[in-house]
Amino acid sequence: MENKNQKRALSFSMLSIVLCVAMLIGTTFAWFTDNASTGVNLIQAGTLDVELQKSEDNGKTWTTVEENESLAFQKAAEGEEILWEPGVTYNLPLLRVVNKGNLALKY
């Protein structure tokens, strides 16, 4: 009688192991075969287009600062070196940041 119970317990154990392995393979297979598509939908939050402009005539006309253009300091006297010491100030041309996109810009 004890031998019959052992065989039955061993067969249930083997069946449980096979079932667990099959479920493990099934879940792993689902990880690698999942697919989601949106068709032709385009999700776009907005566009950010920032432009830096400068004015050399006190704000009457504004020109766009090019990508590789450097901004020069306006010196008090011709030929004067720019010395970074306390109390010395130099001015840049008038600058403004213009938002050409449709997103809010904080700078």
Protein backbone atom coordinates (compact mmCIF):
# COMPACT_ATOMS: atom_id res chain seq x y z
CA MET A 1 0.00 0.00 0.00
CA GLU A 2 2.82 2.35 0.86
CA ASN A 3 4.46 1.71 -2.51
CA LYS A 4 1.25 2.71 -4.31
CA ASN A 5 1.05 6.00 -2.38
CA GLN A 6 4.69 6.76 -3.16
CA LYS A 7 4.12 6.18 -6.89
CA ARG A 8 1.02 8.39 -6.81
CA ALA A 9 2.89 11.18 -4.93
CA LEU A 10 5.86 10.90 -7.32
CA SER A 11 3.60 11.10 -10.38
CA PHE A 12 1.77 14.17 -8.99
CA SER A 13 5.13 15.78 -8.22
CA MET A 14 6.38 15.15 -11.77
CA LEU A 15 3.10 16.47 -13.23
CA SER A 16 3.41 19.62 -11.08
CA ILE A 17 7.01 20.19 -12.20
CA VAL A 18 6.04 19.77 -15.88
CA LEU A 19 3.12 22.18 -15.42
CA CYS A 20 5.37 24.78 -13.72
CA VAL A 21 7.97 24.52 -16.49
CA ALA A 22 5.25 24.91 -19.15
CA MET A 23 3.87 28.03 -17.45
CA LEU A 24 7.38 29.48 -17.10
CA ILE A 25 8.07 28.94 -20.80
CA GLY A 26 4.70 30.47 -21.66
CA THR A 27 5.31 33.64 -19.66
CA THR A 28 8.85 34.04 -21.00
CA PHE A 29 7.56 33.58 -24.54
CA ALA A 30 5.02 36.38 -23.93
CA TRP A 31 7.82 38.78 -22.96
CA PHE A 32 9.56 38.39 -26.29
CA THR A 33 6.56 38.26 -28.61
CA ASP A 34 4.47 41.17 -27.32
CA ASN A 35 3.68 43.79 -29.96
CA ALA A 36 1.95 47.17 -29.90
CA SER A 37 1.31 49.38 -32.89
CA THR A 38 -0.36 52.75 -33.28
CA GLY A 39 -0.95 52.76 -37.01
CA VAL A 40 -0.30 56.20 -38.46
CA ASN A 41 -0.87 58.21 -35.28
CA LEU A 42 1.65 60.94 -34.48
CA ILE A 43 2.04 61.99 -30.87
CA GLN A 44 3.57 65.45 -30.64
CA ALA A 45 3.58 67.70 -27.61
CA GLY A 46 4.73 70.85 -29.40
CA THR A 47 7.72 72.51 -30.97
CA LEU A 48 10.43 74.48 -29.23
CA ASP A 49 12.17 76.98 -31.48
CA VAL A 50 14.21 79.61 -29.65
CA GLU A 51 15.94 82.46 -31.44
CA LEU A 52 18.49 84.95 -30.07
CA GLN A 53 18.32 88.42 -31.58
CA LYS A 54 20.56 91.46 -31.15
CA SER A 55 20.11 95.16 -31.78
CA GLU A 56 22.87 97.65 -32.43
CA ASP A 57 20.63 100.74 -32.68
CA ASN A 58 18.99 100.71 -29.23
CA GLY A 59 16.13 98.36 -30.14
CA LYS A 60 14.90 99.91 -33.40
CA THR A 61 15.88 96.94 -35.58
CA TRP A 62 16.61 93.39 -34.50
CA THR A 63 18.81 90.88 -36.33
CA THR A 64 19.15 87.16 -35.66
CA VAL A 65 22.40 86.02 -34.08
CA GLU A 66 23.87 83.28 -36.26
CA GLU A 67 24.95 79.95 -34.80
CA ASN A 68 28.72 80.53 -34.80
CA GLU A 69 28.63 84.30 -34.33
CA SER A 70 30.41 85.61 -31.25
CA LEU A 71 29.13 88.60 -29.34
CA ALA A 72 31.69 91.38 -28.84
CA PHE A 73 31.87 93.57 -25.77
CA GLN A 74 31.44 97.29 -26.34
CA LYS A 75 34.53 98.97 -24.94
CA ALA A 76 34.66 102.44 -23.43
CA ALA A 77 37.70 103.49 -25.47
CA GLU A 78 39.16 102.16 -28.72
CA GLY A 79 42.03 99.74 -28.16
CA GLU A 80 41.22 99.28 -24.48
CA GLU A 81 41.80 95.77 -23.18
CA ILE A 82 39.04 93.97 -21.34
CA LEU A 83 40.27 93.64 -17.77
CA TRP A 84 38.18 91.54 -15.44
CA GLU A 85 38.68 93.47 -12.23
CA PRO A 86 36.23 94.65 -9.58
CA GLY A 87 34.16 97.66 -10.53
CA VAL A 88 34.84 97.52 -14.29
CA THR A 89 31.77 97.08 -16.50
CA TYR A 90 31.47 96.44 -20.21
CA ASN A 91 28.29 96.28 -22.22
CA LEU A 92 27.00 93.75 -24.72
CA PRO A 93 24.71 94.77 -27.57
CA LEU A 94 21.01 94.63 -26.71
CA LEU A 95 19.87 91.01 -26.75
CA ARG A 96 16.46 89.38 -26.66
CA VAL A 97 15.23 85.80 -26.74
CA VAL A 98 12.30 85.13 -29.08
CA ASN A 99 10.09 82.05 -28.90
CA LYS A 100 9.26 80.95 -32.47
CA GLY A 101 7.61 77.66 -31.40
CA ASN A 102 4.32 76.84 -29.75
CA LEU A 103 5.61 75.72 -26.33
CA ALA A 104 5.88 78.04 -23.36
CA LEU A 105 9.45 79.13 -22.69
CA LYS A 106 10.92 80.24 -19.39
CA TYR A 107 14.49 81.47 -19.29
